[in-house]
Amino acid sequence: MLVKRFSGNADRETALDWSAVAHLPDVEDKLSQLCQWVLQAEQRGLRYSLSLPGMSPIAPGCGTAQRRAALEALARYGLE
């Protein structure tokens, strides 16, 4: 998992990006790994963003709305 950490009082933040899963053999494997990272980031209380090719990036955030937006983007990938 790619982690971008900021020092000081800022929260930890993770950037989840398609390029981080480029080594995986197929699209389904890539989506599965990104989904796992979304769930792990939520479990750890991290703020995270998500970038997928051809889709608007999801800005950093955390919580139910962030998780829903990220998982919906992953589910829609390739359909639009």
PDB file of N, CA and C in Angstrom:
ATOM      1  N   MET A   1       0.847  -1.164   0.000  1.00  0.00           N
ATOM      2  CA  MET A   1       0.000   0.000   0.000  1.00  0.00           C
ATOM      3  C   MET A   1       0.894   1.229   0.000  1.00  0.00           C
ATOM      4  N   LEU A   2       0.605   2.164  -0.858  1.00  0.00           N
ATOM      5  CA  LEU A   2       1.349   3.404  -0.894  1.00  0.00           C
ATOM      6  C   LEU A   2       0.813   4.326   0.181  1.00  0.00           C
ATOM      7  N   VAL A   3       1.716   4.863   0.984  1.00  0.00           N
ATOM      8  CA  VAL A   3       1.295   5.735   2.067  1.00  0.00           C
ATOM      9  C   VAL A   3       2.047   7.043   1.975  1.00  0.00           C
ATOM     10  N   LYS A   4       1.302   8.116   2.005  1.00  0.00           N
ATOM     11  CA  LYS A   4       1.893   9.442   2.042  1.00  0.00           C
ATOM     12  C   LYS A   4       1.676   9.947   3.461  1.00  0.00           C
ATOM     13  N   ARG A   5       2.735  10.175   4.183  1.00  0.00           N
ATOM     14  CA  ARG A   5       2.626  10.615   5.570  1.00  0.00           C
ATOM     15  C   ARG A   5       3.063  12.061   5.681  1.00  0.00           C
ATOM     16  N   PHE A   6       2.316  12.795   6.437  1.00  0.00           N
ATOM     17  CA  PHE A   6       2.628  14.191   6.686  1.00  0.00           C
ATOM     18  C   PHE A   6       3.037  14.322   8.145  1.00  0.00           C
ATOM     19  N   SER A   7       4.031  15.141   8.396  1.00  0.00           N
ATOM     20  CA  SER A   7       4.484  15.309   9.776  1.00  0.00           C
ATOM     21  C   SER A   7       3.692  16.407  10.468  1.00  0.00           C
ATOM     22  N   GLY A   8       3.925  16.546  11.733  1.00  0.00           N
ATOM     23  CA  GLY A   8       3.223  17.564  12.500  1.00  0.00           C
ATOM     24  C   GLY A   8       1.868  17.073  12.964  1.00  0.00           C
ATOM     25  N   ASN A   9       0.913  17.986  13.022  1.00  0.00           N
ATOM     26  CA  ASN A   9      -0.417  17.656  13.521  1.00  0.00           C
ATOM     27  C   ASN A   9      -1.340  17.091  12.456  1.00  0.00           C
ATOM     28  N   ALA A  10      -0.890  17.022  11.221  1.00  0.00           N
ATOM     29  CA  ALA A  10      -1.751  16.537  10.139  1.00  0.00           C
ATOM     30  C   ALA A  10      -2.011  15.043  10.298  1.00  0.00           C
ATOM     31  N   ASP A  11      -3.184  14.630   9.852  1.00  0.00           N
ATOM     32  CA  ASP A  11      -3.538  13.214   9.869  1.00  0.00           C
ATOM     33  C   ASP A  11      -2.716  12.463   8.823  1.00  0.00           C
ATOM     34  N   ARG A  12      -2.597  11.176   9.048  1.00  0.00           N
ATOM     35  CA  ARG A  12      -1.945  10.342   8.037  1.00  0.00           C
ATOM     36  C   ARG A  12      -2.876  10.235   6.839  1.00  0.00           C
ATOM     37  N   GLU A  13      -2.280  10.197   5.666  1.00  0.00           N
ATOM     38  CA  GLU A  13      -3.067  10.160   4.440  1.00  0.00           C
ATOM     39  C   GLU A  13      -2.461   9.145   3.480  1.00  0.00           C
ATOM     40  N   THR A  14      -3.318   8.402   2.800  1.00  0.00           N
ATOM     41  CA  THR A  14      -2.895   7.379   1.862  1.00  0.00           C
ATOM     42  C   THR A  14      -3.440   7.706   0.483  1.00  0.00           C
ATOM     43  N   ALA A  15      -2.581   7.638  -0.513  1.00  0.00           N
ATOM     44  CA  ALA A  15      -2.997   7.847  -1.897  1.00  0.00           C
ATOM     45  C   ALA A  15      -3.078   6.478  -2.569  1.00  0.00           C
ATOM     46  N   LEU A  16      -4.285   6.058  -2.901  1.00  0.00           N
ATOM     47  CA  LEU A  16      -4.490   4.788  -3.588  1.00  0.00           C
ATOM     48  C   LEU A  16      -4.582   5.081  -5.075  1.00  0.00           C
ATOM     49  N   ASP A  17      -3.676   4.491  -5.840  1.00  0.00           N
ATOM     50  CA  ASP A  17      -3.562   4.846  -7.244  1.00  0.00           C
ATOM     51  C   ASP A  17      -3.418   3.598  -8.110  1.00  0.00           C
ATOM     52  N   TRP A  18      -4.036   3.622  -9.272  1.00  0.00           N
ATOM     53  CA  TRP A  18      -4.002   2.508 -10.224  1.00  0.00           C
ATOM     54  C   TRP A  18      -2.566   2.099 -10.537  1.00  0.00           C
ATOM     55  N   SER A  19      -1.660   3.058 -10.622  1.00  0.00           N
ATOM     56  CA  SER A  19      -0.265   2.735 -10.972  1.00  0.00           C
ATOM     57  C   SER A  19       0.377   1.817  -9.934  1.00  0.00           C
ATOM     58  N   ALA A  20      -0.120   1.827  -8.714  1.00  0.00           N
ATOM     59  CA  ALA A  20       0.442   0.972  -7.660  1.00  0.00           C
ATOM     60  C   ALA A  20       0.090  -0.501  -7.861  1.00  0.00           C
ATOM     61  N   VAL A  21      -0.906  -0.773  -8.708  1.00  0.00           N
ATOM     62  CA  VAL A  21      -1.313  -2.161  -8.957  1.00  0.00           C
ATOM     63  C   VAL A  21      -1.032  -2.569 -10.401  1.00  0.00           C
ATOM     64  N   ALA A  22      -0.238  -1.784 -11.102  1.00  0.00           N
ATOM     65  CA  ALA A  22       0.063  -2.050 -12.515  1.00  0.00           C
ATOM     66  C   ALA A  22       0.711  -3.412 -12.721  1.00  0.00           C
ATOM     67  N   HIS A  23       1.401  -3.916 -11.718  1.00  0.00           N
ATOM     68  CA  HIS A  23       2.094  -5.201 -11.833  1.00  0.00           C
ATOM     69  C   HIS A  23       1.148  -6.404 -11.790  1.00  0.00           C
ATOM     70  N   LEU A  24      -0.081  -6.204 -11.341  1.00  0.00           N
ATOM     71  CA  LEU A  24      -1.027  -7.320 -11.242  1.00  0.00           C
ATOM     72  C   LEU A  24      -1.521  -7.714 -12.633  1.00  0.00           C
ATOM     73  N   PRO A  25      -1.817  -9.012 -12.825  1.00  0.00           N
ATOM     74  CA  PRO A  25      -2.068  -9.537 -14.170  1.00  0.00           C
ATOM     75  C   PRO A  25      -3.338  -9.075 -14.876  1.00  0.00           C
ATOM     76  N   ASP A  26      -4.407  -8.819 -14.172  1.00  0.00           N
ATOM     77  CA  ASP A  26      -5.628  -8.411 -14.879  1.00  0.00           C
ATOM     78  C   ASP A  26      -6.409  -7.375 -14.080  1.00  0.00           C
ATOM     79  N   VAL A  27      -7.393  -6.805 -14.737  1.00  0.00           N
ATOM     80  CA  VAL A  27      -8.177  -5.716 -14.152  1.00  0.00           C
ATOM     81  C   VAL A  27      -8.855  -6.146 -12.857  1.00  0.00           C
ATOM     82  N   GLU A  28      -9.405  -7.338 -12.830  1.00  0.00           N
ATOM     83  CA  GLU A  28     -10.113  -7.808 -11.642  1.00  0.00           C
ATOM     84  C   GLU A  28      -9.169  -7.896 -10.438  1.00  0.00           C
ATOM     85  N   ASP A  29      -7.944  -8.338 -10.655  1.00  0.00           N
ATOM     86  CA  ASP A  29      -6.951  -8.377  -9.580  1.00  0.00           C
ATOM     87  C   ASP A  29      -6.614  -6.972  -9.092  1.00  0.00           C
ATOM     88  N   LYS A  30      -6.485  -6.055 -10.023  1.00  0.00           N
ATOM     89  CA  LYS A  30      -6.183  -4.661  -9.664  1.00  0.00           C
ATOM     90  C   LYS A  30      -7.307  -4.065  -8.812  1.00  0.00           C
ATOM     91  N   LEU A  31      -8.548  -4.242  -9.270  1.00  0.00           N
ATOM     92  CA  LEU A  31      -9.694  -3.714  -8.538  1.00  0.00           C
ATOM     93  C   LEU A  31      -9.817  -4.346  -7.161  1.00  0.00           C
ATOM     94  N   SER A  32      -9.571  -5.639  -7.088  1.00  0.00           N
ATOM     95  CA  SER A  32      -9.644  -6.345  -5.817  1.00  0.00           C
ATOM     96  C   SER A  32      -8.621  -5.806  -4.817  1.00  0.00           C
ATOM     97  N   GLN A  33      -7.391  -5.569  -5.278  1.00  0.00           N
ATOM     98  CA  GLN A  33      -6.353  -5.039  -4.397  1.00  0.00           C
ATOM     99  C   GLN A  33      -6.704  -3.635  -3.923  1.00  0.00           C
ATOM    100  N   LEU A  34      -7.173  -2.792  -4.826  1.00  0.00           N
ATOM    101  CA  LEU A  34      -7.556  -1.433  -4.433  1.00  0.00           C
ATOM    102  C   LEU A  34      -8.712  -1.456  -3.439  1.00  0.00           C
ATOM    103  N   CYS A  35      -9.660  -2.346  -3.647  1.00  0.00           N
ATOM    104  CA  CYS A  35     -10.778  -2.492  -2.703  1.00  0.00           C
ATOM    105  C   CYS A  35     -10.257  -2.877  -1.321  1.00  0.00           C
ATOM    106  N   GLN A  36      -9.346  -3.822  -1.281  1.00  0.00           N
ATOM    107  CA  GLN A  36      -8.759  -4.244  -0.007  1.00  0.00           C
ATOM    108  C   GLN A  36      -8.069  -3.066   0.675  1.00  0.00           C
ATOM    109  N   TRP A  37      -7.349  -2.252  -0.092  1.00  0.00           N
ATOM    110  CA  TRP A  37      -6.660  -1.100   0.483  1.00  0.00           C
ATOM    111  C   TRP A  37      -7.638  -0.065   1.015  1.00  0.00           C
ATOM    112  N   VAL A  38      -8.757   0.132   0.311  1.00  0.00           N
ATOM    113  CA  VAL A  38      -9.790   1.063   0.796  1.00  0.00           C
ATOM    114  C   VAL A  38     -10.288   0.592   2.164  1.00  0.00           C
ATOM    115  N   LEU A  39     -10.619  -0.683   2.267  1.00  0.00           N
ATOM    116  CA  LEU A  39     -11.141  -1.220   3.525  1.00  0.00           C
ATOM    117  C   LEU A  39     -10.106  -1.160   4.641  1.00  0.00           C
ATOM    118  N   GLN A  40      -8.846  -1.415   4.307  1.00  0.00           N
ATOM    119  CA  GLN A  40      -7.776  -1.319   5.311  1.00  0.00           C
ATOM    120  C   GLN A  40      -7.575   0.119   5.773  1.00  0.00           C
ATOM    121  N   ALA A  41      -7.608   1.056   4.853  1.00  0.00           N
ATOM    122  CA  ALA A  41      -7.446   2.469   5.212  1.00  0.00           C
ATOM    123  C   ALA A  41      -8.562   2.898   6.156  1.00  0.00           C
ATOM    124  N   GLU A  42      -9.785   2.493   5.852  1.00  0.00           N
ATOM    125  CA  GLU A  42     -10.917   2.814   6.735  1.00  0.00           C
ATOM    126  C   GLU A  42     -10.716   2.202   8.118  1.00  0.00           C
ATOM    127  N   GLN A  43     -10.322   0.950   8.144  1.00  0.00           N
ATOM    128  CA  GLN A  43     -10.126   0.252   9.418  1.00  0.00           C
ATOM    129  C   GLN A  43      -9.053   0.937  10.264  1.00  0.00           C
ATOM    130  N   ARG A  44      -8.048   1.480   9.611  1.00  0.00           N
ATOM    131  CA  ARG A  44      -6.943   2.139  10.318  1.00  0.00           C
ATOM    132  C   ARG A  44      -7.209   3.613  10.593  1.00  0.00           C
ATOM    133  N   GLY A  45      -8.330   4.117  10.121  1.00  0.00           N
ATOM    134  CA  GLY A  45      -8.674   5.511  10.351  1.00  0.00           C
ATOM    135  C   GLY A  45      -7.867   6.492   9.530  1.00  0.00           C
ATOM    136  N   LEU A  46      -7.351   6.041   8.379  1.00  0.00           N
ATOM    137  CA  LEU A  46      -6.563   6.904   7.512  1.00  0.00           C
ATOM    138  C   LEU A  46      -7.452   7.695   6.568  1.00  0.00           C
ATOM    139  N   ARG A  47      -7.018   8.892   6.250  1.00  0.00           N
ATOM    140  CA  ARG A  47      -7.636   9.628   5.142  1.00  0.00           C
ATOM    141  C   ARG A  47      -7.001   9.047   3.885  1.00  0.00           C
ATOM    142  N   TYR A  48      -7.797   8.899   2.830  1.00  0.00           N
ATOM    143  CA  TYR A  48      -7.249   8.339   1.598  1.00  0.00           C
ATOM    144  C   TYR A  48      -7.949   8.945   0.393  1.00  0.00           C
ATOM    145  N   SER A  49      -7.229   8.921  -0.706  1.00  0.00           N
ATOM    146  CA  SER A  49      -7.763   9.336  -1.996  1.00  0.00           C
ATOM    147  C   SER A  49      -7.696   8.132  -2.919  1.00  0.00           C
ATOM    148  N   LEU A  50      -8.405   8.207  -4.047  1.00  0.00           N
ATOM    149  CA  LEU A  50      -8.404   7.106  -5.004  1.00  0.00           C
ATOM    150  C   LEU A  50      -8.345   7.682  -6.406  1.00  0.00           C
ATOM    151  N   SER A  51      -7.407   7.176  -7.207  1.00  0.00           N
ATOM    152  CA  SER A  51      -7.263   7.606  -8.594  1.00  0.00           C
ATOM    153  C   SER A  51      -7.326   6.397  -9.510  1.00  0.00           C
ATOM    154  N   LEU A  52      -8.289   6.436 -10.442  1.00  0.00           N
ATOM    155  CA  LEU A  52      -8.467   5.372 -11.428  1.00  0.00           C
ATOM    156  C   LEU A  52      -8.404   5.981 -12.820  1.00  0.00           C
ATOM    157  N   PRO A  53      -7.842   5.276 -13.798  1.00  0.00           N
ATOM    158  CA  PRO A  53      -7.766   5.815 -15.161  1.00  0.00           C
ATOM    159  C   PRO A  53      -9.148   6.123 -15.728  1.00  0.00           C
ATOM    160  N   GLY A  54      -9.264   7.289 -16.353  1.00  0.00           N
ATOM    161  CA  GLY A  54     -10.501   7.659 -17.021  1.00  0.00           C
ATOM    162  C   GLY A  54     -11.633   8.084 -16.110  1.00  0.00           C
ATOM    163  N   MET A  55     -11.359   8.201 -14.820  1.00  0.00           N
ATOM    164  CA  MET A  55     -12.389   8.608 -13.856  1.00  0.00           C
ATOM    165  C   MET A  55     -11.872   9.789 -13.053  1.00  0.00           C
ATOM    166  N   SER A  56     -12.789  10.614 -12.588  1.00  0.00           N
ATOM    167  CA  SER A  56     -12.397  11.727 -11.720  1.00  0.00           C
ATOM    168  C   SER A  56     -11.833  11.163 -10.421  1.00  0.00           C
ATOM    169  N   PRO A  57     -10.721  11.712  -9.956  1.00  0.00           N
ATOM    170  CA  PRO A  57     -10.159  11.223  -8.699  1.00  0.00           C
ATOM    171  C   PRO A  57     -11.074  11.537  -7.518  1.00  0.00           C
ATOM    172  N   ILE A  58     -11.000  10.711  -6.518  1.00  0.00           N
ATOM    173  CA  ILE A  58     -11.739  10.938  -5.275  1.00  0.00           C
ATOM    174  C   ILE A  58     -10.776  11.622  -4.319  1.00  0.00           C
ATOM    175  N   ALA A  59     -11.157  12.799  -3.878  1.00  0.00           N
ATOM    176  CA  ALA A  59     -10.310  13.611  -2.993  1.00  0.00           C
ATOM    177  C   ALA A  59     -10.119  12.912  -1.652  1.00  0.00           C
ATOM    178  N   PRO A  60      -9.061  13.254  -0.934  1.00  0.00           N
ATOM    179  CA  PRO A  60      -8.814  12.646   0.364  1.00  0.00           C
ATOM    180  C   PRO A  60      -9.977  12.827   1.334  1.00  0.00           C
ATOM    181  N   GLY A  61     -10.232  11.807   2.086  1.00  0.00           N
ATOM    182  CA  GLY A  61     -11.283  11.830   3.092  1.00  0.00           C
ATOM    183  C   GLY A  61     -11.301  10.502   3.826  1.00  0.00           C
ATOM    184  N   CYS A  62     -12.241  10.357   4.735  1.00  0.00           N
ATOM    185  CA  CYS A  62     -12.415   9.092   5.443  1.00  0.00           C
ATOM    186  C   CYS A  62     -13.853   9.025   5.949  1.00  0.00           C
ATOM    187  N   GLY A  63     -14.257   7.848   6.351  1.00  0.00           N
ATOM    188  CA  GLY A  63     -15.601   7.677   6.868  1.00  0.00           C
ATOM    189  C   GLY A  63     -16.514   6.980   5.876  1.00  0.00           C
ATOM    190  N   THR A  64     -17.765   6.847   6.270  1.00  0.00           N
ATOM    191  CA  THR A  64     -18.744   6.095   5.497  1.00  0.00           C
ATOM    192  C   THR A  64     -18.916   6.631   4.082  1.00  0.00           C
ATOM    193  N   ALA A  65     -19.051   7.940   3.930  1.00  0.00           N
ATOM    194  CA  ALA A  65     -19.249   8.527   2.599  1.00  0.00           C
ATOM    195  C   ALA A  65     -18.025   8.303   1.714  1.00  0.00           C
ATOM    196  N   GLN A  66     -16.841   8.425   2.281  1.00  0.00           N
ATOM    197  CA  GLN A  66     -15.604   8.215   1.520  1.00  0.00           C
ATOM    198  C   GLN A  66     -15.502   6.762   1.073  1.00  0.00           C
ATOM    199  N   ARG A  67     -15.764   5.860   1.990  1.00  0.00           N
ATOM    200  CA  ARG A  67     -15.700   4.427   1.662  1.00  0.00           C
ATOM    201  C   ARG A  67     -16.711   4.099   0.558  1.00  0.00           C
ATOM    202  N   ARG A  68     -17.923   4.590   0.696  1.00  0.00           N
ATOM    203  CA  ARG A  68     -18.960   4.338  -0.304  1.00  0.00           C
ATOM    204  C   ARG A  68     -18.542   4.881  -1.671  1.00  0.00           C
ATOM    205  N   ALA A  69     -18.031   6.100  -1.710  1.00  0.00           N
ATOM    206  CA  ALA A  69     -17.615   6.705  -2.983  1.00  0.00           C
ATOM    207  C   ALA A  69     -16.488   5.891  -3.631  1.00  0.00           C
ATOM    208  N   ALA A  70     -15.528   5.466  -2.833  1.00  0.00           N
ATOM    209  CA  ALA A  70     -14.401   4.698  -3.369  1.00  0.00           C
ATOM    210  C   ALA A  70     -14.855   3.334  -3.870  1.00  0.00           C
ATOM    211  N   LEU A  71     -15.664   2.636  -3.093  1.00  0.00           N
ATOM    212  CA  LEU A  71     -16.123   1.310  -3.506  1.00  0.00           C
ATOM    213  C   LEU A  71     -17.044   1.387  -4.720  1.00  0.00           C
ATOM    214  N   GLU A  72     -17.857   2.416  -4.802  1.00  0.00           N
ATOM    215  CA  GLU A  72     -18.713   2.597  -5.982  1.00  0.00           C
ATOM    216  C   GLU A  72     -17.869   2.891  -7.224  1.00  0.00           C
ATOM    217  N   ALA A  73     -16.829   3.693  -7.068  1.00  0.00           N
ATOM    218  CA  ALA A  73     -15.934   3.978  -8.206  1.00  0.00           C
ATOM    219  C   ALA A  73     -15.265   2.697  -8.686  1.00  0.00           C
ATOM    220  N   LEU A  74     -14.825   1.874  -7.754  1.00  0.00           N
ATOM    221  CA  LEU A  74     -14.205   0.601  -8.127  1.00  0.00           C
ATOM    222  C   LEU A  74     -15.207  -0.317  -8.817  1.00  0.00           C
ATOM    223  N   ALA A  75     -16.433  -0.347  -8.334  1.00  0.00           N
ATOM    224  CA  ALA A  75     -17.468  -1.192  -8.926  1.00  0.00           C
ATOM    225  C   ALA A  75     -17.844  -0.714 -10.331  1.00  0.00           C
ATOM    226  N   ARG A  76     -17.805   0.592 -10.558  1.00  0.00           N
ATOM    227  CA  ARG A  76     -18.183   1.159 -11.856  1.00  0.00           C
ATOM    228  C   ARG A  76     -17.041   1.150 -12.866  1.00  0.00           C
ATOM    229  N   TYR A  77     -15.822   0.900 -12.403  1.00  0.00           N
ATOM    230  CA  TYR A  77     -14.670   0.989 -13.293  1.00  0.00           C
ATOM    231  C   TYR A  77     -14.863   0.111 -14.533  1.00  0.00           C
ATOM    232  N   GLY A  78     -14.673   0.703 -15.679  1.00  0.00           N
ATOM    233  CA  GLY A  78     -14.793  -0.019 -16.934  1.00  0.00           C
ATOM    234  C   GLY A  78     -16.210  -0.046 -17.502  1.00  0.00           C
ATOM    235  N   LEU A  79     -17.184   0.437 -16.744  1.00  0.00           N
ATOM    236  CA  LEU A  79     -18.567   0.432 -17.208  1.00  0.00           C
ATOM    237  C   LEU A  79     -18.940   1.735 -17.895  1.00  0.00           C
ATOM    238  N   GLU A  80     -18.196   2.781 -17.641  1.00  0.00           N
ATOM    239  CA  GLU A  80     -18.533   4.100 -18.189  1.00  0.00           C
ATOM    240  C   GLU A  80     -17.709   4.418 -19.406  1.00  0.00           C
TER     241      GLU A  80
END
